[in-house]
Amino acid sequence: MALKYPRTPYWPYSPAIGRGARVHSDPDRFVGETVVATEKLDGGNTLLHEGKVYARSASTPSEAKWMAMVKKHHAWKVRGPDVFLYGEDIYGVHSIEYAPVQEDRTFYAFSLRGPDGAFASFAELETYAASKGIPVVPVLFRGRFASVGHIRAFMEDAHREPSALGGAREGVILRLARGFPSAEFAANVCKSVRKGHVQTDEHWTRYWRPCELAVSLP
């Protein structure tokens, strides 16, 4: 059975916070411990499991056309029954259109879980993804923050920068670098999104279009 990815709480100082959304209550959680900050890409939350592709619902494998590139290039690599690899799929354009990408780089892994549902460390995610030739979301910071003020300053600077993929940056994900059980997800992960962030709803699928793909060299 596929494991659904949890809803990520907002960093309390995020420039935008969804109405009625959960807000992280303890920003000090990310002080003094090794953390990883990654770029939050604007795409579809996608799960690769047992060679199949799932959307956020994780109830049944997806047959959507916008999953074409991740199916072609990566889903078949993730075959273990106890491996759950989550990532952002940008093949179908949501609110941000990035610079042209190779068709095997429309999916970026951001989280890995094992059979017990626990979240692997970020280093374990990177090792697994590298072994399969799967891209990982851009890393913006890896280390320790001395204070919440230090984190806030970093987040403000990160929001002013463009996306590592070209175009606007949707936001930043902050998580503890170490692994942790599923029950601790909401305490150990949060997101900060740009001002004016558009929460793309399911209606985008009616008129979806693929992102621009880079021309492969012969």
N, C-alpha and C. Protein backbone atom coordinates (compact mmCIF):
# COMPACT_ATOMS: atom_id res chain seq x y z
N MET A 1 0.84 -1.20 0.00
CA MET A 1 0.00 0.00 0.00
C MET A 1 0.87 1.25 0.00
N ALA A 2 0.53 2.23 -0.82
CA ALA A 2 1.30 3.47 -0.89
C ALA A 2 1.04 4.33 0.35
N LEU A 3 2.06 5.04 0.78
CA LEU A 3 1.95 5.91 1.95
C LEU A 3 1.74 7.35 1.50
N LYS A 4 0.71 7.97 1.97
CA LYS A 4 0.41 9.36 1.63
C LYS A 4 1.42 10.29 2.29
N TYR A 5 1.87 11.32 1.55
CA TYR A 5 2.80 12.28 2.13
C TYR A 5 2.01 13.26 3.00
N PRO A 6 2.50 13.55 4.21
CA PRO A 6 1.76 14.43 5.11
C PRO A 6 1.72 15.89 4.62
N ARG A 7 0.76 16.62 5.12
CA ARG A 7 0.69 18.06 4.85
C ARG A 7 1.81 18.75 5.62
N THR A 8 2.51 19.65 4.98
CA THR A 8 3.64 20.33 5.60
C THR A 8 3.19 21.62 6.25
N PRO A 9 3.46 21.82 7.55
CA PRO A 9 3.07 23.07 8.21
C PRO A 9 3.91 24.25 7.70
N TYR A 10 3.37 25.43 7.84
CA TYR A 10 4.06 26.64 7.41
C TYR A 10 5.05 27.13 8.46
N TRP A 11 6.17 27.64 8.00
CA TRP A 11 7.08 28.40 8.84
C TRP A 11 6.30 29.60 9.35
N PRO A 12 6.33 29.91 10.64
CA PRO A 12 5.47 30.97 11.19
C PRO A 12 5.70 32.35 10.58
N TYR A 13 6.87 32.56 9.96
CA TYR A 13 7.16 33.86 9.36
C TYR A 13 7.12 33.80 7.83
N SER A 14 6.44 32.80 7.29
CA SER A 14 6.31 32.68 5.85
C SER A 14 5.62 33.92 5.27
N PRO A 15 6.11 34.46 4.14
CA PRO A 15 5.46 35.63 3.53
C PRO A 15 3.98 35.39 3.21
N ALA A 16 3.61 34.15 2.93
CA ALA A 16 2.21 33.81 2.70
C ALA A 16 1.90 32.53 3.46
N ILE A 17 0.68 32.47 4.00
CA ILE A 17 0.22 31.29 4.72
C ILE A 17 -1.19 30.98 4.27
N GLY A 18 -1.42 29.75 3.85
CA GLY A 18 -2.74 29.37 3.37
C GLY A 18 -3.81 29.50 4.43
N ARG A 19 -4.99 29.89 4.00
CA ARG A 19 -6.10 30.07 4.94
C ARG A 19 -6.44 28.74 5.62
N GLY A 20 -6.47 28.78 6.94
CA GLY A 20 -6.81 27.59 7.70
C GLY A 20 -5.71 26.55 7.75
N ALA A 21 -4.52 26.88 7.23
CA ALA A 21 -3.43 25.91 7.18
C ALA A 21 -2.73 25.80 8.55
N ARG A 22 -2.07 24.70 8.76
CA ARG A 22 -1.33 24.48 9.99
C ARG A 22 -0.03 25.28 9.97
N VAL A 23 0.28 25.94 11.06
CA VAL A 23 1.50 26.72 11.19
C VAL A 23 2.39 26.07 12.24
N HIS A 24 3.66 25.95 11.93
CA HIS A 24 4.60 25.34 12.87
C HIS A 24 4.65 26.16 14.16
N SER A 25 4.52 25.51 15.28
CA SER A 25 4.39 26.22 16.56
C SER A 25 5.70 26.39 17.31
N ASP A 26 6.79 25.76 16.83
CA ASP A 26 8.03 25.79 17.59
C ASP A 26 9.24 26.01 16.68
N PRO A 27 9.46 27.24 16.19
CA PRO A 27 10.59 27.48 15.30
C PRO A 27 11.95 27.19 15.92
N ASP A 28 12.02 27.20 17.26
CA ASP A 28 13.28 26.85 17.93
C ASP A 28 13.69 25.42 17.67
N ARG A 29 12.77 24.62 17.16
CA ARG A 29 13.05 23.22 16.84
C ARG A 29 14.21 23.12 15.84
N PHE A 30 14.36 24.15 15.01
CA PHE A 30 15.36 24.12 13.94
C PHE A 30 16.66 24.85 14.31
N VAL A 31 16.79 25.21 15.58
CA VAL A 31 17.98 25.91 16.06
C VAL A 31 18.92 24.92 16.75
N GLY A 32 20.20 25.00 16.42
CA GLY A 32 21.20 24.20 17.12
C GLY A 32 21.32 22.76 16.66
N GLU A 33 20.53 22.34 15.69
CA GLU A 33 20.62 20.98 15.16
C GLU A 33 20.84 21.07 13.66
N THR A 34 21.51 20.10 13.09
CA THR A 34 21.79 20.14 11.66
C THR A 34 20.49 20.05 10.87
N VAL A 35 20.29 21.04 9.99
CA VAL A 35 19.10 21.10 9.16
C VAL A 35 19.49 21.20 7.69
N VAL A 36 18.53 20.97 6.83
CA VAL A 36 18.71 21.14 5.40
C VAL A 36 17.57 22.01 4.89
N ALA A 37 17.91 23.05 4.15
CA ALA A 37 16.91 23.90 3.50
C ALA A 37 16.99 23.65 2.00
N THR A 38 15.87 23.33 1.41
CA THR A 38 15.82 23.05 -0.02
C THR A 38 14.81 23.97 -0.69
N GLU A 39 14.96 24.11 -1.99
CA GLU A 39 14.00 24.93 -2.72
C GLU A 39 12.68 24.17 -2.84
N LYS A 40 11.59 24.88 -2.57
CA LYS A 40 10.25 24.31 -2.77
C LYS A 40 9.85 24.59 -4.22
N LEU A 41 9.81 23.55 -5.01
CA LEU A 41 9.46 23.70 -6.41
C LEU A 41 7.95 23.70 -6.60
N ASP A 42 7.50 24.36 -7.66
CA ASP A 42 6.08 24.49 -7.95
C ASP A 42 5.68 23.40 -8.93
N GLY A 43 5.19 22.29 -8.39
CA GLY A 43 4.80 21.17 -9.25
C GLY A 43 3.81 20.30 -8.52
N GLY A 44 3.76 19.05 -8.91
CA GLY A 44 2.84 18.10 -8.29
C GLY A 44 3.56 17.17 -7.35
N ASN A 45 3.05 17.05 -6.12
CA ASN A 45 3.61 16.12 -5.15
C ASN A 45 3.40 14.70 -5.67
N THR A 46 4.49 13.98 -5.90
CA THR A 46 4.44 12.71 -6.61
C THR A 46 5.19 11.63 -5.85
N LEU A 47 4.61 10.45 -5.79
CA LEU A 47 5.23 9.31 -5.12
C LEU A 47 5.60 8.25 -6.14
N LEU A 48 6.83 7.72 -6.03
CA LEU A 48 7.26 6.59 -6.83
C LEU A 48 7.36 5.38 -5.89
N HIS A 49 6.67 4.30 -6.27
CA HIS A 49 6.62 3.12 -5.40
C HIS A 49 6.30 1.89 -6.24
N GLU A 50 7.12 0.87 -6.10
CA GLU A 50 6.94 -0.39 -6.81
C GLU A 50 6.77 -0.19 -8.32
N GLY A 51 7.55 0.72 -8.88
CA GLY A 51 7.53 0.96 -10.31
C GLY A 51 6.36 1.78 -10.80
N LYS A 52 5.52 2.25 -9.89
CA LYS A 52 4.33 3.03 -10.27
C LYS A 52 4.43 4.46 -9.77
N VAL A 53 3.55 5.30 -10.31
CA VAL A 53 3.50 6.73 -9.96
C VAL A 53 2.18 7.03 -9.28
N TYR A 54 2.26 7.74 -8.16
CA TYR A 54 1.06 8.13 -7.43
C TYR A 54 1.04 9.64 -7.24
N ALA A 55 -0.17 10.21 -7.25
CA ALA A 55 -0.33 11.61 -6.89
C ALA A 55 -0.46 11.69 -5.38
N ARG A 56 -0.78 12.86 -4.84
CA ARG A 56 -0.81 13.03 -3.39
C ARG A 56 -1.78 12.06 -2.71
N SER A 57 -2.88 11.70 -3.38
CA SER A 57 -3.87 10.82 -2.74
C SER A 57 -3.27 9.46 -2.40
N ALA A 58 -2.36 8.96 -3.24
CA ALA A 58 -1.68 7.68 -3.02
C ALA A 58 -2.64 6.50 -2.90
N SER A 59 -3.86 6.66 -3.39
CA SER A 59 -4.83 5.57 -3.32
C SER A 59 -4.66 4.58 -4.46
N THR A 60 -4.51 5.10 -5.68
CA THR A 60 -4.29 4.25 -6.85
C THR A 60 -3.24 4.91 -7.73
N PRO A 61 -2.50 4.11 -8.51
CA PRO A 61 -1.50 4.68 -9.41
C PRO A 61 -2.13 5.67 -10.38
N SER A 62 -1.38 6.72 -10.71
CA SER A 62 -1.89 7.76 -11.61
C SER A 62 -1.63 7.40 -13.07
N GLU A 63 -2.61 7.68 -13.90
CA GLU A 63 -2.47 7.50 -15.34
C GLU A 63 -2.47 8.86 -16.05
N ALA A 64 -2.33 9.95 -15.29
CA ALA A 64 -2.40 11.29 -15.86
C ALA A 64 -1.28 11.54 -16.88
N LYS A 65 -1.60 12.31 -17.92
CA LYS A 65 -0.65 12.58 -18.98
C LYS A 65 0.55 13.38 -18.48
N TRP A 66 0.32 14.22 -17.45
CA TRP A 66 1.43 15.04 -16.95
C TRP A 66 2.44 14.23 -16.14
N MET A 67 2.19 12.94 -15.96
CA MET A 67 3.15 12.06 -15.31
C MET A 67 4.03 11.33 -16.33
N ALA A 68 3.90 11.69 -17.60
CA ALA A 68 4.56 10.93 -18.67
C ALA A 68 6.08 10.86 -18.51
N MET A 69 6.72 11.98 -18.17
CA MET A 69 8.19 11.99 -18.13
C MET A 69 8.74 11.22 -16.93
N VAL A 70 8.09 11.35 -15.77
CA VAL A 70 8.59 10.62 -14.59
C VAL A 70 8.37 9.12 -14.77
N LYS A 71 7.30 8.74 -15.47
CA LYS A 71 7.10 7.32 -15.76
C LYS A 71 8.18 6.81 -16.70
N LYS A 72 8.47 7.60 -17.72
CA LYS A 72 9.43 7.19 -18.73
C LYS A 72 10.84 7.05 -18.17
N HIS A 73 11.24 7.99 -17.31
CA HIS A 73 12.64 8.05 -16.90
C HIS A 73 12.95 7.52 -15.50
N HIS A 74 11.98 7.54 -14.58
CA HIS A 74 12.35 7.26 -13.19
C HIS A 74 11.50 6.24 -12.44
N ALA A 75 10.20 6.20 -12.67
CA ALA A 75 9.33 5.36 -11.85
C ALA A 75 9.78 3.90 -11.84
N TRP A 76 10.20 3.40 -12.98
CA TRP A 76 10.59 1.98 -13.09
C TRP A 76 11.85 1.65 -12.28
N LYS A 77 12.60 2.66 -11.88
CA LYS A 77 13.82 2.43 -11.10
C LYS A 77 13.52 2.14 -9.63
N VAL A 78 12.36 2.61 -9.16
CA VAL A 78 12.01 2.50 -7.73
C VAL A 78 11.06 1.32 -7.58
N ARG A 79 11.60 0.13 -7.39
CA ARG A 79 10.80 -1.08 -7.45
C ARG A 79 10.65 -1.80 -6.10
N GLY A 80 11.47 -1.48 -5.14
CA GLY A 80 11.38 -2.18 -3.87
C GLY A 80 10.04 -1.96 -3.19
N PRO A 81 9.42 -3.02 -2.64
CA PRO A 81 8.12 -2.88 -1.98
C PRO A 81 8.17 -2.05 -0.71
N ASP A 82 9.37 -1.86 -0.17
CA ASP A 82 9.51 -1.10 1.08
C ASP A 82 10.13 0.28 0.86
N VAL A 83 10.14 0.74 -0.39
CA VAL A 83 10.74 2.04 -0.71
C VAL A 83 9.66 2.99 -1.21
N PHE A 84 9.61 4.18 -0.62
CA PHE A 84 8.65 5.21 -1.00
C PHE A 84 9.44 6.49 -1.26
N LEU A 85 9.52 6.89 -2.53
CA LEU A 85 10.30 8.07 -2.91
C LEU A 85 9.35 9.17 -3.37
N TYR A 86 9.41 10.32 -2.67
CA TYR A 86 8.54 11.44 -2.98
C TYR A 86 9.33 12.54 -3.68
N GLY A 87 8.64 13.24 -4.58
CA GLY A 87 9.31 14.33 -5.26
C GLY A 87 8.32 15.30 -5.88
N GLU A 88 8.86 16.36 -6.45
CA GLU A 88 8.06 17.37 -7.12
C GLU A 88 8.19 17.16 -8.62
N ASP A 89 7.06 17.02 -9.28
CA ASP A 89 7.05 16.82 -10.73
C ASP A 89 6.62 18.13 -11.40
N ILE A 90 7.50 18.71 -12.21
CA ILE A 90 7.22 20.01 -12.83
C ILE A 90 6.88 19.88 -14.32
N TYR A 91 6.67 18.67 -14.81
CA TYR A 91 6.36 18.51 -16.23
C TYR A 91 5.07 19.25 -16.61
N GLY A 92 4.06 19.14 -15.76
CA GLY A 92 2.84 19.91 -15.96
C GLY A 92 2.99 21.26 -15.29
N VAL A 93 2.89 22.35 -16.06
CA VAL A 93 3.08 23.70 -15.52
C VAL A 93 1.96 24.03 -14.54
N HIS A 94 2.36 24.51 -13.36
CA HIS A 94 1.39 24.96 -12.36
C HIS A 94 1.32 26.50 -12.38
N SER A 95 1.86 27.16 -11.37
CA SER A 95 1.83 28.62 -11.32
C SER A 95 3.11 29.26 -11.82
N ILE A 96 4.22 28.53 -11.75
CA ILE A 96 5.52 29.06 -12.17
C ILE A 96 6.02 28.24 -13.35
N GLU A 97 6.52 28.93 -14.35
CA GLU A 97 7.12 28.24 -15.49
C GLU A 97 8.63 28.41 -15.41
N TYR A 98 9.34 27.30 -15.31
CA TYR A 98 10.78 27.33 -15.16
C TYR A 98 11.47 27.38 -16.52
N ALA A 99 12.78 27.56 -16.49
CA ALA A 99 13.56 27.52 -17.72
C ALA A 99 13.46 26.12 -18.32
N PRO A 100 13.72 25.96 -19.62
CA PRO A 100 13.65 24.64 -20.24
C PRO A 100 14.54 23.62 -19.51
N VAL A 101 14.02 22.41 -19.34
CA VAL A 101 14.76 21.35 -18.66
C VAL A 101 14.80 20.11 -19.55
N GLN A 102 15.81 19.28 -19.32
CA GLN A 102 15.86 17.99 -20.00
C GLN A 102 14.66 17.16 -19.54
N GLU A 103 14.14 16.32 -20.40
CA GLU A 103 12.94 15.58 -20.04
C GLU A 103 13.15 14.59 -18.90
N ASP A 104 14.40 14.23 -18.62
CA ASP A 104 14.66 13.36 -17.47
C ASP A 104 14.94 14.16 -16.20
N ARG A 105 14.68 15.47 -16.24
CA ARG A 105 14.86 16.32 -15.07
C ARG A 105 13.60 17.14 -14.79
N THR A 106 12.47 16.49 -14.97
CA THR A 106 11.20 17.12 -14.62
C THR A 106 10.68 16.62 -13.27
N PHE A 107 11.42 15.70 -12.65
CA PHE A 107 11.07 15.17 -11.33
C PHE A 107 12.26 15.34 -10.40
N TYR A 108 12.00 15.90 -9.19
CA TYR A 108 13.06 16.16 -8.22
C TYR A 108 12.67 15.55 -6.87
N ALA A 109 13.41 14.55 -6.44
CA ALA A 109 13.10 13.87 -5.18
C ALA A 109 13.35 14.79 -3.98
N PHE A 110 12.48 14.68 -2.97
CA PHE A 110 12.69 15.47 -1.75
C PHE A 110 12.54 14.68 -0.47
N SER A 111 12.04 13.45 -0.54
CA SER A 111 11.88 12.69 0.70
C SER A 111 11.84 11.19 0.41
N LEU A 112 12.33 10.42 1.37
CA LEU A 112 12.39 8.97 1.23
C LEU A 112 11.89 8.33 2.52
N ARG A 113 11.03 7.32 2.38
CA ARG A 113 10.52 6.59 3.54
C ARG A 113 10.75 5.10 3.34
N GLY A 114 10.86 4.40 4.47
CA GLY A 114 11.06 2.97 4.45
C GLY A 114 9.79 2.22 4.82
N PRO A 115 9.89 0.91 5.08
CA PRO A 115 8.72 0.07 5.33
C PRO A 115 7.91 0.45 6.57
N ASP A 116 8.57 1.03 7.57
CA ASP A 116 7.85 1.43 8.78
C ASP A 116 7.26 2.83 8.68
N GLY A 117 7.43 3.47 7.52
CA GLY A 117 6.90 4.81 7.32
C GLY A 117 7.79 5.92 7.81
N ALA A 118 8.91 5.57 8.47
CA ALA A 118 9.82 6.59 8.97
C ALA A 118 10.49 7.32 7.81
N PHE A 119 10.83 8.58 8.05
CA PHE A 119 11.49 9.39 7.04
C PHE A 119 13.00 9.24 7.16
N ALA A 120 13.64 8.91 6.06
CA ALA A 120 15.09 8.74 6.04
C ALA A 120 15.77 10.09 6.20
N SER A 121 17.03 10.07 6.58
CA SER A 121 17.81 11.30 6.65
C SER A 121 17.95 11.87 5.25
N PHE A 122 18.28 13.15 5.16
CA PHE A 122 18.43 13.75 3.84
C PHE A 122 19.63 13.15 3.12
N ALA A 123 20.66 12.80 3.86
CA ALA A 123 21.83 12.17 3.25
C ALA A 123 21.46 10.81 2.65
N GLU A 124 20.61 10.06 3.34
CA GLU A 124 20.16 8.77 2.81
C GLU A 124 19.34 8.97 1.54
N LEU A 125 18.50 10.00 1.53
CA LEU A 125 17.75 10.33 0.31
C LEU A 125 18.70 10.61 -0.85
N GLU A 126 19.71 11.44 -0.60
CA GLU A 126 20.65 11.79 -1.66
C GLU A 126 21.39 10.57 -2.19
N THR A 127 21.80 9.69 -1.28
CA THR A 127 22.53 8.48 -1.68
C THR A 127 21.64 7.58 -2.52
N TYR A 128 20.41 7.38 -2.08
CA TYR A 128 19.49 6.52 -2.83
C TYR A 128 19.21 7.12 -4.20
N ALA A 129 18.88 8.40 -4.25
CA ALA A 129 18.55 9.05 -5.53
C ALA A 129 19.74 8.99 -6.49
N ALA A 130 20.94 9.23 -5.98
CA ALA A 130 22.13 9.19 -6.82
C ALA A 130 22.34 7.79 -7.39
N SER A 131 22.06 6.77 -6.60
CA SER A 131 22.24 5.40 -7.08
C SER A 131 21.29 5.04 -8.20
N LYS A 132 20.18 5.79 -8.29
CA LYS A 132 19.18 5.54 -9.32
C LYS A 132 19.22 6.58 -10.44
N GLY A 133 20.10 7.56 -10.31
CA GLY A 133 20.16 8.60 -11.33
C GLY A 133 18.95 9.50 -11.33
N ILE A 134 18.42 9.78 -10.15
CA ILE A 134 17.23 10.61 -10.00
C ILE A 134 17.63 11.96 -9.39
N PRO A 135 17.24 13.09 -9.99
CA PRO A 135 17.58 14.39 -9.44
C PRO A 135 16.96 14.62 -8.06
N VAL A 136 17.63 15.43 -7.25
CA VAL A 136 17.14 15.83 -5.94
C VAL A 136 16.88 17.33 -5.96
N VAL A 137 15.91 17.79 -5.19
CA VAL A 137 15.60 19.22 -5.13
C VAL A 137 16.85 20.03 -4.77
N PRO A 138 16.97 21.26 -5.29
CA PRO A 138 18.15 22.08 -5.00
C PRO A 138 18.32 22.36 -3.51
N VAL A 139 19.53 22.14 -3.01
CA VAL A 139 19.85 22.40 -1.60
C VAL A 139 20.33 23.84 -1.48
N LEU A 140 19.71 24.61 -0.58
CA LEU A 140 20.06 26.01 -0.38
C LEU A 140 20.94 26.22 0.85
N PHE A 141 20.82 25.32 1.81
CA PHE A 141 21.61 25.44 3.05
C PHE A 141 21.67 24.08 3.72
N ARG A 142 22.83 23.79 4.31
CA ARG A 142 23.00 22.57 5.10
C ARG A 142 23.92 22.92 6.25
N GLY A 143 23.43 22.79 7.47
CA GLY A 143 24.25 23.16 8.63
C GLY A 143 23.38 23.49 9.82
N ARG A 144 23.89 24.35 10.69
CA ARG A 144 23.16 24.70 11.91
C ARG A 144 22.91 26.20 11.98
N PHE A 145 21.75 26.55 12.47
CA PHE A 145 21.41 27.95 12.71
C PHE A 145 21.58 28.26 14.20
N ALA A 146 22.10 29.44 14.49
CA ALA A 146 22.36 29.81 15.88
C ALA A 146 21.13 30.35 16.60
N SER A 147 20.13 30.80 15.83
CA SER A 147 18.94 31.40 16.45
C SER A 147 17.81 31.44 15.42
N VAL A 148 16.60 31.68 15.92
CA VAL A 148 15.46 31.84 15.03
C VAL A 148 15.67 33.07 14.14
N GLY A 149 16.29 34.10 14.70
CA GLY A 149 16.58 35.29 13.91
C GLY A 149 17.49 34.98 12.73
N HIS A 150 18.44 34.08 12.95
CA HIS A 150 19.34 33.66 11.88
C HIS A 150 18.55 32.96 10.78
N ILE A 151 17.60 32.10 11.18
CA ILE A 151 16.77 31.41 10.19
C ILE A 151 15.92 32.40 9.42
N ARG A 152 15.33 33.36 10.13
CA ARG A 152 14.48 34.35 9.46
C ARG A 152 15.27 35.15 8.42
N ALA A 153 16.48 35.52 8.77
CA ALA A 153 17.32 36.28 7.83
C ALA A 153 17.65 35.43 6.60
N PHE A 154 17.96 34.15 6.84
CA PHE A 154 18.25 33.26 5.72
C PHE A 154 17.03 33.13 4.81
N MET A 155 15.85 32.91 5.41
CA MET A 155 14.63 32.75 4.63
C MET A 155 14.34 34.00 3.80
N GLU A 156 14.51 35.16 4.39
CA GLU A 156 14.26 36.41 3.66
C GLU A 156 15.18 36.53 2.46
N ASP A 157 16.44 36.20 2.65
CA ASP A 157 17.39 36.25 1.53
C ASP A 157 17.03 35.21 0.47
N ALA A 158 16.64 34.02 0.92
CA ALA A 158 16.31 32.95 -0.03
C ALA A 158 15.10 33.31 -0.88
N HIS A 159 14.14 33.99 -0.29
CA HIS A 159 12.95 34.39 -1.05
C HIS A 159 13.26 35.46 -2.09
N ARG A 160 14.32 36.20 -1.89
CA ARG A 160 14.67 37.25 -2.86
C ARG A 160 15.40 36.69 -4.08
N GLU A 161 15.89 35.46 -3.96
CA GLU A 161 16.65 34.85 -5.04
C GLU A 161 15.72 34.14 -6.03
N PRO A 162 16.13 34.06 -7.30
CA PRO A 162 15.34 33.31 -8.28
C PRO A 162 15.49 31.81 -8.06
N SER A 163 14.67 31.04 -8.72
CA SER A 163 14.75 29.59 -8.62
C SER A 163 16.06 29.08 -9.21
N ALA A 164 16.57 28.01 -8.65
CA ALA A 164 17.75 27.36 -9.20
C ALA A 164 17.46 26.78 -10.59
N LEU A 165 16.16 26.64 -10.92
CA LEU A 165 15.77 26.12 -12.23
C LEU A 165 15.46 27.23 -13.22
N GLY A 166 15.65 28.48 -12.79
CA GLY A 166 15.30 29.61 -13.65
C GLY A 166 13.86 30.02 -13.40
N GLY A 167 13.57 31.32 -13.44
CA GLY A 167 12.23 31.79 -13.11
C GLY A 167 12.10 32.14 -11.65
N ALA A 168 10.88 32.29 -11.18
CA ALA A 168 10.63 32.69 -9.80
C ALA A 168 10.82 31.51 -8.85
N ARG A 169 11.08 31.84 -7.61
CA ARG A 169 11.20 30.81 -6.56
C ARG A 169 9.90 30.75 -5.77
N GLU A 170 9.33 29.58 -5.69
CA GLU A 170 8.07 29.45 -4.95
C GLU A 170 8.29 29.52 -3.45
N GLY A 171 9.35 28.89 -2.97
CA GLY A 171 9.54 28.91 -1.53
C GLY A 171 10.70 28.05 -1.09
N VAL A 172 10.70 27.76 0.22
CA VAL A 172 11.79 27.02 0.85
C VAL A 172 11.19 25.97 1.79
N ILE A 173 11.80 24.79 1.80
CA ILE A 173 11.44 23.74 2.76
C ILE A 173 12.58 23.61 3.75
N LEU A 174 12.26 23.59 5.03
CA LEU A 174 13.26 23.43 6.08
C LEU A 174 12.95 22.14 6.84
N ARG A 175 13.96 21.28 7.00
CA ARG A 175 13.76 20.02 7.72
C ARG A 175 15.01 19.67 8.50
N LEU A 176 14.83 18.83 9.53
CA LEU A 176 15.99 18.30 10.22
C LEU A 176 16.71 17.37 9.25
N ALA A 177 18.04 17.41 9.29
CA ALA A 177 18.83 16.58 8.37
C ALA A 177 18.72 15.10 8.71
N ARG A 178 18.56 14.79 9.97
CA ARG A 178 18.49 13.38 10.39
C ARG A 178 17.14 12.79 10.03
N GLY A 179 17.07 11.46 10.10
CA GLY A 179 15.81 10.78 9.91
C GLY A 179 14.93 10.89 11.15
N PHE A 180 13.65 10.61 10.98
CA PHE A 180 12.72 10.69 12.12
C PHE A 180 11.46 9.87 11.80
N PRO A 181 10.75 9.42 12.85
CA PRO A 181 9.53 8.64 12.63
C PRO A 181 8.41 9.49 12.03
N SER A 182 7.47 8.84 11.42
CA SER A 182 6.35 9.52 10.77
C SER A 182 5.60 10.46 11.72
N ALA A 183 5.46 10.03 12.97
CA ALA A 183 4.71 10.82 13.95
C ALA A 183 5.36 12.17 14.24
N GLU A 184 6.65 12.31 13.92
CA GLU A 184 7.37 13.56 14.19
C GLU A 184 7.48 14.47 12.97
N PHE A 185 6.82 14.10 11.88
CA PHE A 185 6.95 14.88 10.65
C PHE A 185 6.59 16.35 10.86
N ALA A 186 5.43 16.63 11.42
CA ALA A 186 4.97 18.01 11.56
C ALA A 186 5.87 18.85 12.45
N ALA A 187 6.63 18.21 13.33
CA ALA A 187 7.54 18.94 14.21
C ALA A 187 8.88 19.21 13.53
N ASN A 188 9.23 18.41 12.53
CA ASN A 188 10.58 18.45 11.97
C ASN A 188 10.68 19.01 10.56
N VAL A 189 9.56 19.40 9.99
CA VAL A 189 9.54 19.94 8.62
C VAL A 189 8.60 21.13 8.56
N CYS A 190 8.97 22.15 7.80
CA CYS A 190 8.06 23.27 7.57
C CYS A 190 8.38 23.91 6.22
N LYS A 191 7.46 24.76 5.76
CA LYS A 191 7.65 25.42 4.47
C LYS A 191 7.38 26.91 4.58
N SER A 192 8.07 27.65 3.72
CA SER A 192 7.87 29.09 3.63
C SER A 192 7.64 29.40 2.15
N VAL A 193 6.56 30.10 1.83
CA VAL A 193 6.23 30.36 0.43
C VAL A 193 6.17 31.86 0.15
N ARG A 194 6.37 32.19 -1.11
CA ARG A 194 6.45 33.59 -1.54
C ARG A 194 5.13 34.33 -1.31
N LYS A 195 5.23 35.64 -1.18
CA LYS A 195 4.06 36.48 -1.07
C LYS A 195 3.28 36.41 -2.37
N GLY A 196 1.97 36.32 -2.25
CA GLY A 196 1.15 36.19 -3.44
C GLY A 196 1.13 34.79 -3.99
N HIS A 197 1.64 33.84 -3.21
CA HIS A 197 1.68 32.44 -3.64
C HIS A 197 0.29 31.97 -4.02
N VAL A 198 0.20 31.33 -5.18
CA VAL A 198 -1.07 30.78 -5.65
C VAL A 198 -1.09 29.30 -5.34
N GLN A 199 -2.06 28.87 -4.55
CA GLN A 199 -2.20 27.45 -4.25
C GLN A 199 -2.94 26.81 -5.41
N THR A 200 -2.20 26.27 -6.37
CA THR A 200 -2.81 25.72 -7.57
C THR A 200 -3.79 24.61 -7.21
N ASP A 201 -5.05 24.74 -7.62
CA ASP A 201 -6.03 23.71 -7.29
C ASP A 201 -6.14 22.69 -8.41
N GLU A 202 -7.03 21.72 -8.22
CA GLU A 202 -7.11 20.62 -9.17
C GLU A 202 -7.64 21.04 -10.54
N HIS A 203 -8.20 22.27 -10.65
CA HIS A 203 -8.74 22.71 -11.92
C HIS A 203 -7.66 22.95 -12.97
N TRP A 204 -6.40 23.07 -12.53
CA TRP A 204 -5.32 23.26 -13.51
C TRP A 204 -5.23 22.07 -14.46
N THR A 205 -5.71 20.92 -14.02
CA THR A 205 -5.60 19.73 -14.84
C THR A 205 -6.47 19.79 -16.10
N ARG A 206 -7.50 20.63 -16.08
CA ARG A 206 -8.40 20.72 -17.24
C ARG A 206 -7.69 21.32 -18.45
N TYR A 207 -6.80 22.26 -18.18
CA TYR A 207 -6.14 22.96 -19.28
C TYR A 207 -4.62 22.85 -19.17
N TRP A 208 -4.15 21.76 -18.65
CA TRP A 208 -2.73 21.62 -18.38
C TRP A 208 -1.92 21.68 -19.66
N ARG A 209 -0.67 22.09 -19.50
CA ARG A 209 0.28 22.08 -20.62
C ARG A 209 1.64 21.68 -20.08
N PRO A 210 2.44 21.03 -20.91
CA PRO A 210 3.76 20.59 -20.45
C PRO A 210 4.73 21.74 -20.33
N CYS A 211 5.72 21.59 -19.49
CA CYS A 211 6.77 22.59 -19.38
C CYS A 211 7.62 22.55 -20.65
N GLU A 212 8.44 23.57 -20.83
CA GLU A 212 9.30 23.61 -22.01
C GLU A 212 10.49 22.69 -21.77
N LEU A 213 10.71 21.79 -22.69
CA LEU A 213 11.82 20.87 -22.58
C LEU A 213 13.02 21.36 -23.38
N ALA A 214 14.19 21.17 -22.82
CA ALA A 214 15.42 21.57 -23.49
C ALA A 214 15.70 20.59 -24.64
N VAL A 215 16.30 21.10 -25.68
CA VAL A 215 16.66 20.26 -26.82
C VAL A 215 17.89 19.44 -26.44
N SER A 216 17.76 18.14 -26.54
CA SER A 216 18.88 17.26 -26.20
C SER A 216 19.96 17.35 -27.25
N LEU A 217 21.21 17.33 -26.81
CA LEU A 217 22.33 17.37 -27.74
C LEU A 217 22.48 16.00 -28.40
N PRO A 218 22.85 15.94 -29.68
CA PRO A 218 23.00 14.66 -30.37
C PRO A 218 24.15 13.85 -29.80
